[in-house]
Amino acid sequence: VELDMNDAGELFRRHSAVMEDANGSFAWVAASGVKDLTTLRLGGLFDDGEATYTVRLHFSEPDGLEAGERVFDVHLQGERVAANLDIARETNGARQGIARTFSGLRLGEALQLELRPANGSGHPPVLSGVEVLWEG
């Protein structure tokens, strides 16, 4: 397994008992994560590009920010798959995890993830977890 991350900022962690499940994500996954992660490459697990995968990304707002304060775009394999993700807006507050699922992805040798702050966002992106499921 190969894992390359940019110089990610601060790690965060809370006890899973204080987290809620906003939309089918695993609350224990959303209890921890990393702030200011912009790129992640996960390799050494995938095939030559013929198979497809589902990628599920988990997020939570670690700082109790209000809607509009942390907004970012999500890119997988170089393509924007989610624009203006605003965790606080979608969860109506802190201590709630959300997940976004993207299916039918060809990963080739590695999963490439980029999180890019939206224009005007005052805080960097966050990520709590990554699941990769083989579709066939």
N, C-alpha and C. Protein backbone atom coordinates (compact mmCIF):
# COMPACT_ATOMS: atom_id res chain seq x y z
N VAL A 1 0.84 -1.18 0.00
CA VAL A 1 0.00 0.00 0.00
C VAL A 1 0.88 1.23 0.00
N GLU A 2 0.59 2.16 -0.88
CA GLU A 2 1.30 3.42 -0.95
C GLU A 2 0.34 4.53 -0.53
N LEU A 3 0.78 5.41 0.34
CA LEU A 3 -0.03 6.55 0.77
C LEU A 3 0.83 7.78 0.73
N ASP A 4 0.49 8.71 -0.15
CA ASP A 4 1.19 9.98 -0.24
C ASP A 4 0.19 11.09 0.03
N MET A 5 0.51 11.95 0.98
CA MET A 5 -0.33 13.11 1.29
C MET A 5 0.56 14.34 1.22
N ASN A 6 -0.04 15.46 0.85
CA ASN A 6 0.71 16.69 0.91
C ASN A 6 1.04 16.97 2.38
N ASP A 7 1.75 18.01 2.66
CA ASP A 7 2.05 18.38 4.04
C ASP A 7 0.75 18.80 4.71
N ALA A 8 -0.02 17.80 5.11
CA ALA A 8 -1.32 18.06 5.71
C ALA A 8 -1.13 18.76 7.05
N GLY A 9 -2.11 19.54 7.38
CA GLY A 9 -2.07 20.30 8.61
C GLY A 9 -2.42 19.46 9.82
N GLU A 10 -3.27 19.98 10.60
CA GLU A 10 -3.58 19.44 11.91
C GLU A 10 -4.53 18.24 11.85
N LEU A 11 -4.18 17.22 12.62
CA LEU A 11 -5.08 16.09 12.80
C LEU A 11 -6.09 16.44 13.89
N PHE A 12 -7.31 15.91 13.78
CA PHE A 12 -8.29 16.12 14.84
C PHE A 12 -8.89 14.78 15.23
N ARG A 13 -9.35 14.72 16.47
CA ARG A 13 -9.92 13.48 16.98
C ARG A 13 -10.90 13.80 18.10
N ARG A 14 -12.05 13.16 18.04
CA ARG A 14 -13.05 13.25 19.09
C ARG A 14 -13.52 11.83 19.41
N HIS A 15 -14.09 11.66 20.55
CA HIS A 15 -14.63 10.34 20.88
C HIS A 15 -15.85 10.11 20.00
N SER A 16 -16.00 8.91 19.48
CA SER A 16 -17.10 8.62 18.56
C SER A 16 -18.46 8.75 19.23
N ALA A 17 -18.53 8.68 20.53
CA ALA A 17 -19.81 8.79 21.24
C ALA A 17 -20.42 10.18 21.11
N VAL A 18 -19.61 11.20 20.80
CA VAL A 18 -20.16 12.55 20.68
C VAL A 18 -20.58 12.86 19.25
N MET A 19 -20.37 11.92 18.33
CA MET A 19 -20.69 12.14 16.92
C MET A 19 -22.05 11.55 16.58
N GLU A 20 -22.71 12.18 15.59
CA GLU A 20 -23.97 11.67 15.06
C GLU A 20 -23.79 11.32 13.60
N ASP A 21 -24.68 10.50 13.10
CA ASP A 21 -24.65 10.04 11.73
C ASP A 21 -25.67 10.84 10.93
N ALA A 22 -25.22 11.80 10.13
CA ALA A 22 -26.13 12.70 9.42
C ALA A 22 -26.81 12.06 8.22
N ASN A 23 -26.10 11.18 7.49
CA ASN A 23 -26.71 10.65 6.28
C ASN A 23 -26.17 9.29 5.87
N GLY A 24 -26.00 8.43 6.80
CA GLY A 24 -25.53 7.10 6.45
C GLY A 24 -24.04 6.93 6.55
N SER A 25 -23.31 7.93 7.01
CA SER A 25 -21.88 7.76 7.20
C SER A 25 -21.66 7.05 8.53
N PHE A 26 -20.49 6.57 8.74
CA PHE A 26 -20.16 5.92 9.99
C PHE A 26 -19.68 6.99 10.96
N ALA A 27 -20.40 7.19 12.06
CA ALA A 27 -20.07 8.25 13.01
C ALA A 27 -18.65 8.10 13.54
N TRP A 28 -18.20 6.88 13.75
CA TRP A 28 -16.85 6.70 14.30
C TRP A 28 -15.78 7.15 13.32
N VAL A 29 -16.05 7.04 12.01
CA VAL A 29 -15.08 7.51 11.02
C VAL A 29 -15.01 9.03 11.04
N ALA A 30 -16.15 9.68 11.15
CA ALA A 30 -16.20 11.15 11.14
C ALA A 30 -15.63 11.76 12.41
N ALA A 31 -15.36 10.97 13.43
CA ALA A 31 -14.85 11.50 14.70
C ALA A 31 -13.40 11.96 14.61
N SER A 32 -12.71 11.57 13.57
CA SER A 32 -11.31 11.99 13.41
C SER A 32 -11.06 12.37 11.97
N GLY A 33 -9.92 12.98 11.72
CA GLY A 33 -9.58 13.36 10.36
C GLY A 33 -8.40 14.29 10.32
N VAL A 34 -8.27 14.94 9.18
CA VAL A 34 -7.16 15.87 8.97
C VAL A 34 -7.69 17.15 8.33
N LYS A 35 -7.20 18.28 8.84
CA LYS A 35 -7.53 19.58 8.27
C LYS A 35 -6.41 19.98 7.31
N ASP A 36 -6.75 20.75 6.31
CA ASP A 36 -5.80 21.31 5.35
C ASP A 36 -5.12 20.26 4.49
N LEU A 37 -5.83 19.18 4.20
CA LEU A 37 -5.35 18.18 3.25
C LEU A 37 -5.79 18.63 1.87
N THR A 38 -4.85 18.74 0.95
CA THR A 38 -5.23 19.15 -0.40
C THR A 38 -5.05 18.03 -1.42
N THR A 39 -4.07 17.13 -1.20
CA THR A 39 -3.89 16.03 -2.13
C THR A 39 -3.61 14.74 -1.36
N LEU A 40 -4.15 13.65 -1.91
CA LEU A 40 -3.92 12.33 -1.35
C LEU A 40 -3.81 11.36 -2.51
N ARG A 41 -2.81 10.52 -2.47
CA ARG A 41 -2.64 9.46 -3.48
C ARG A 41 -2.56 8.14 -2.74
N LEU A 42 -3.48 7.25 -3.05
CA LEU A 42 -3.53 5.93 -2.43
C LEU A 42 -3.29 4.91 -3.52
N GLY A 43 -2.17 4.23 -3.47
CA GLY A 43 -1.82 3.30 -4.54
C GLY A 43 -1.40 1.95 -4.01
N GLY A 44 -1.03 1.07 -4.94
CA GLY A 44 -0.56 -0.26 -4.59
C GLY A 44 -1.68 -1.24 -4.28
N LEU A 45 -2.93 -0.85 -4.52
CA LEU A 45 -4.06 -1.72 -4.19
C LEU A 45 -4.92 -2.07 -5.39
N PHE A 46 -4.73 -1.38 -6.49
CA PHE A 46 -5.68 -1.46 -7.58
C PHE A 46 -5.07 -2.18 -8.77
N ASP A 47 -5.91 -2.41 -9.79
CA ASP A 47 -5.49 -3.19 -10.95
C ASP A 47 -4.97 -2.28 -12.06
N ASP A 48 -5.01 -2.78 -13.26
CA ASP A 48 -4.49 -2.06 -14.41
C ASP A 48 -5.47 -1.05 -15.01
N GLY A 49 -6.58 -0.82 -14.35
CA GLY A 49 -7.53 0.17 -14.86
C GLY A 49 -8.77 -0.40 -15.47
N GLU A 50 -8.88 -1.71 -15.54
CA GLU A 50 -10.05 -2.33 -16.16
C GLU A 50 -11.25 -2.40 -15.21
N ALA A 51 -11.01 -2.56 -13.92
CA ALA A 51 -12.09 -2.67 -12.95
C ALA A 51 -12.62 -1.29 -12.57
N THR A 52 -13.84 -1.28 -12.06
CA THR A 52 -14.41 -0.03 -11.57
C THR A 52 -14.58 -0.13 -10.05
N TYR A 53 -14.60 1.04 -9.42
CA TYR A 53 -14.65 1.12 -7.97
C TYR A 53 -15.67 2.17 -7.54
N THR A 54 -16.17 2.01 -6.34
CA THR A 54 -16.95 3.05 -5.67
C THR A 54 -16.05 3.63 -4.59
N VAL A 55 -16.00 4.95 -4.53
CA VAL A 55 -15.23 5.65 -3.51
C VAL A 55 -16.21 6.42 -2.64
N ARG A 56 -16.12 6.18 -1.34
CA ARG A 56 -16.96 6.90 -0.37
C ARG A 56 -16.04 7.73 0.51
N LEU A 57 -16.27 9.04 0.52
CA LEU A 57 -15.47 9.96 1.32
C LEU A 57 -16.30 10.43 2.51
N HIS A 58 -15.67 10.45 3.68
CA HIS A 58 -16.34 10.85 4.92
C HIS A 58 -15.80 12.20 5.38
N PHE A 59 -16.71 13.03 5.87
CA PHE A 59 -16.36 14.38 6.30
C PHE A 59 -17.07 14.73 7.60
N SER A 60 -16.50 15.64 8.36
CA SER A 60 -17.17 16.26 9.49
C SER A 60 -16.55 17.63 9.71
N GLU A 61 -17.27 18.50 10.38
CA GLU A 61 -16.77 19.83 10.69
C GLU A 61 -16.14 19.81 12.09
N PRO A 62 -14.80 19.86 12.17
CA PRO A 62 -14.15 19.71 13.47
C PRO A 62 -14.14 20.96 14.35
N ASP A 63 -14.36 22.11 13.77
CA ASP A 63 -14.19 23.36 14.51
C ASP A 63 -15.49 24.05 14.87
N GLY A 64 -16.63 23.45 14.56
CA GLY A 64 -17.90 24.08 14.88
C GLY A 64 -18.17 25.33 14.06
N LEU A 65 -17.62 25.38 12.85
CA LEU A 65 -17.82 26.55 11.98
C LEU A 65 -19.26 26.62 11.50
N GLU A 66 -19.66 27.82 11.12
CA GLU A 66 -21.00 28.06 10.58
C GLU A 66 -21.01 27.76 9.07
N ALA A 67 -22.20 27.59 8.52
CA ALA A 67 -22.36 27.38 7.07
C ALA A 67 -21.67 28.51 6.32
N GLY A 68 -20.96 28.15 5.27
CA GLY A 68 -20.28 29.12 4.43
C GLY A 68 -18.85 29.42 4.84
N GLU A 69 -18.42 28.98 6.00
CA GLU A 69 -17.07 29.30 6.46
C GLU A 69 -16.02 28.33 5.95
N ARG A 70 -16.39 27.07 5.69
CA ARG A 70 -15.46 26.08 5.13
C ARG A 70 -16.17 25.45 3.93
N VAL A 71 -15.75 25.83 2.74
CA VAL A 71 -16.38 25.34 1.51
C VAL A 71 -15.25 24.90 0.57
N PHE A 72 -15.42 23.73 -0.03
CA PHE A 72 -14.36 23.23 -0.90
C PHE A 72 -14.92 22.31 -1.97
N ASP A 73 -14.12 22.10 -3.02
CA ASP A 73 -14.44 21.19 -4.11
C ASP A 73 -13.67 19.89 -3.93
N VAL A 74 -14.27 18.82 -4.40
CA VAL A 74 -13.66 17.49 -4.32
C VAL A 74 -13.38 17.01 -5.74
N HIS A 75 -12.15 16.57 -5.98
CA HIS A 75 -11.74 16.04 -7.27
C HIS A 75 -11.23 14.62 -7.09
N LEU A 76 -11.70 13.71 -7.93
CA LEU A 76 -11.21 12.34 -7.97
C LEU A 76 -10.69 12.05 -9.36
N GLN A 77 -9.52 11.49 -9.45
CA GLN A 77 -8.88 11.15 -10.72
C GLN A 77 -8.84 12.36 -11.66
N GLY A 78 -8.67 13.55 -11.10
CA GLY A 78 -8.55 14.77 -11.90
C GLY A 78 -9.86 15.41 -12.30
N GLU A 79 -10.98 14.81 -11.95
CA GLU A 79 -12.30 15.35 -12.31
C GLU A 79 -13.02 15.88 -11.06
N ARG A 80 -13.62 17.03 -11.18
CA ARG A 80 -14.40 17.56 -10.04
C ARG A 80 -15.68 16.74 -9.91
N VAL A 81 -15.86 16.14 -8.74
CA VAL A 81 -17.03 15.31 -8.48
C VAL A 81 -18.00 15.95 -7.50
N ALA A 82 -17.56 16.96 -6.78
CA ALA A 82 -18.43 17.70 -5.86
C ALA A 82 -17.95 19.14 -5.79
N ALA A 83 -18.86 20.06 -6.04
CA ALA A 83 -18.53 21.49 -6.01
C ALA A 83 -19.15 22.13 -4.76
N ASN A 84 -18.38 23.01 -4.16
CA ASN A 84 -18.85 23.81 -3.03
C ASN A 84 -19.42 22.96 -1.89
N LEU A 85 -18.69 21.94 -1.51
CA LEU A 85 -19.10 21.13 -0.37
C LEU A 85 -18.99 21.97 0.90
N ASP A 86 -20.08 22.07 1.61
CA ASP A 86 -20.16 22.87 2.83
C ASP A 86 -20.72 21.96 3.93
N ILE A 87 -19.83 21.35 4.69
CA ILE A 87 -20.23 20.36 5.68
C ILE A 87 -21.21 20.95 6.69
N ALA A 88 -20.91 22.13 7.21
CA ALA A 88 -21.77 22.75 8.22
C ALA A 88 -23.18 22.98 7.69
N ARG A 89 -23.30 23.39 6.43
CA ARG A 89 -24.62 23.62 5.84
C ARG A 89 -25.39 22.30 5.71
N GLU A 90 -24.70 21.26 5.31
CA GLU A 90 -25.37 19.98 5.06
C GLU A 90 -25.70 19.21 6.33
N THR A 91 -24.97 19.47 7.40
CA THR A 91 -25.21 18.73 8.64
C THR A 91 -25.94 19.56 9.68
N ASN A 92 -26.13 20.83 9.42
CA ASN A 92 -26.76 21.73 10.40
C ASN A 92 -26.00 21.79 11.71
N GLY A 93 -24.68 21.71 11.63
CA GLY A 93 -23.88 21.89 12.83
C GLY A 93 -22.73 20.93 12.96
N ALA A 94 -22.04 21.04 14.09
CA ALA A 94 -20.86 20.22 14.36
C ALA A 94 -21.29 18.85 14.89
N ARG A 95 -20.31 17.99 15.01
CA ARG A 95 -20.48 16.64 15.57
C ARG A 95 -21.39 15.74 14.74
N GLN A 96 -21.43 16.00 13.44
CA GLN A 96 -22.19 15.14 12.55
C GLN A 96 -21.33 14.78 11.35
N GLY A 97 -21.36 13.52 10.99
CA GLY A 97 -20.61 13.07 9.84
C GLY A 97 -21.49 12.98 8.61
N ILE A 98 -20.89 13.23 7.47
CA ILE A 98 -21.57 13.02 6.19
C ILE A 98 -20.63 12.22 5.30
N ALA A 99 -21.22 11.56 4.33
CA ALA A 99 -20.43 10.81 3.36
C ALA A 99 -20.92 11.17 1.96
N ARG A 100 -20.01 11.16 1.02
CA ARG A 100 -20.32 11.34 -0.39
C ARG A 100 -19.80 10.11 -1.12
N THR A 101 -20.64 9.53 -1.98
CA THR A 101 -20.30 8.30 -2.68
C THR A 101 -20.21 8.56 -4.17
N PHE A 102 -19.16 8.04 -4.77
CA PHE A 102 -18.91 8.22 -6.20
C PHE A 102 -18.64 6.84 -6.80
N SER A 103 -19.45 6.43 -7.76
CA SER A 103 -19.38 5.08 -8.32
C SER A 103 -18.85 5.10 -9.74
N GLY A 104 -18.44 3.92 -10.20
CA GLY A 104 -18.02 3.75 -11.58
C GLY A 104 -16.67 4.36 -11.90
N LEU A 105 -15.79 4.45 -10.92
CA LEU A 105 -14.47 5.07 -11.14
C LEU A 105 -13.43 4.03 -11.53
N ARG A 106 -12.65 4.37 -12.52
CA ARG A 106 -11.49 3.56 -12.89
C ARG A 106 -10.28 4.21 -12.22
N LEU A 107 -9.63 3.46 -11.34
CA LEU A 107 -8.55 4.04 -10.54
C LEU A 107 -7.17 3.77 -11.11
N GLY A 108 -7.05 2.78 -11.98
CA GLY A 108 -5.73 2.47 -12.51
C GLY A 108 -4.80 2.06 -11.39
N GLU A 109 -3.61 2.66 -11.32
CA GLU A 109 -2.63 2.30 -10.30
C GLU A 109 -2.89 2.96 -8.95
N ALA A 110 -3.65 4.08 -8.93
CA ALA A 110 -3.81 4.80 -7.66
C ALA A 110 -5.08 5.64 -7.66
N LEU A 111 -5.61 5.83 -6.47
CA LEU A 111 -6.69 6.78 -6.24
C LEU A 111 -6.04 8.14 -6.05
N GLN A 112 -6.49 9.12 -6.83
CA GLN A 112 -5.99 10.48 -6.73
C GLN A 112 -7.12 11.36 -6.21
N LEU A 113 -6.93 11.97 -5.05
CA LEU A 113 -7.93 12.83 -4.43
C LEU A 113 -7.34 14.22 -4.24
N GLU A 114 -8.11 15.23 -4.63
CA GLU A 114 -7.73 16.62 -4.38
C GLU A 114 -8.90 17.33 -3.72
N LEU A 115 -8.62 18.10 -2.70
CA LEU A 115 -9.60 18.95 -2.04
C LEU A 115 -9.14 20.39 -2.22
N ARG A 116 -9.96 21.19 -2.88
CA ARG A 116 -9.57 22.57 -3.20
C ARG A 116 -10.53 23.55 -2.55
N PRO A 117 -10.00 24.49 -1.76
CA PRO A 117 -10.88 25.49 -1.14
C PRO A 117 -11.63 26.28 -2.21
N ALA A 118 -12.90 26.55 -1.97
CA ALA A 118 -13.69 27.37 -2.89
C ALA A 118 -13.28 28.83 -2.71
N ASN A 119 -13.51 29.62 -3.73
CA ASN A 119 -13.23 31.05 -3.63
C ASN A 119 -13.97 31.65 -2.45
N GLY A 120 -13.25 32.38 -1.63
CA GLY A 120 -13.86 33.05 -0.50
C GLY A 120 -13.97 32.21 0.76
N SER A 121 -13.59 30.94 0.68
CA SER A 121 -13.65 30.10 1.88
C SER A 121 -12.55 30.52 2.84
N GLY A 122 -12.90 30.72 4.09
CA GLY A 122 -11.93 31.17 5.07
C GLY A 122 -11.18 30.07 5.78
N HIS A 123 -11.51 28.81 5.49
CA HIS A 123 -10.89 27.70 6.19
C HIS A 123 -10.55 26.59 5.20
N PRO A 124 -9.48 25.83 5.47
CA PRO A 124 -9.05 24.79 4.55
C PRO A 124 -9.97 23.56 4.57
N PRO A 125 -9.88 22.73 3.54
CA PRO A 125 -10.68 21.50 3.47
C PRO A 125 -10.34 20.54 4.61
N VAL A 126 -11.26 19.62 4.86
CA VAL A 126 -11.06 18.56 5.84
C VAL A 126 -11.50 17.22 5.24
N LEU A 127 -10.93 16.15 5.76
CA LEU A 127 -11.31 14.80 5.34
C LEU A 127 -11.25 13.89 6.55
N SER A 128 -12.28 13.07 6.73
CA SER A 128 -12.32 12.14 7.85
C SER A 128 -12.01 10.71 7.44
N GLY A 129 -12.40 10.29 6.26
CA GLY A 129 -12.15 8.90 5.88
C GLY A 129 -12.37 8.64 4.42
N VAL A 130 -11.76 7.55 3.94
CA VAL A 130 -11.88 7.12 2.55
C VAL A 130 -12.17 5.62 2.53
N GLU A 131 -13.22 5.25 1.81
CA GLU A 131 -13.52 3.84 1.56
C GLU A 131 -13.41 3.61 0.06
N VAL A 132 -12.83 2.50 -0.33
CA VAL A 132 -12.75 2.12 -1.74
C VAL A 132 -13.32 0.72 -1.86
N LEU A 133 -14.38 0.59 -2.67
CA LEU A 133 -15.09 -0.68 -2.83
C LEU A 133 -14.99 -1.14 -4.28
N TRP A 134 -14.57 -2.36 -4.48
CA TRP A 134 -14.45 -2.93 -5.82
C TRP A 134 -15.83 -3.24 -6.36
N GLU A 135 -16.12 -2.77 -7.58
CA GLU A 135 -17.40 -3.06 -8.24
C GLU A 135 -17.26 -4.25 -9.19
N GLY A 136 -16.09 -4.40 -9.78
CA GLY A 136 -15.87 -5.49 -10.72
C GLY A 136 -15.33 -5.03 -12.03
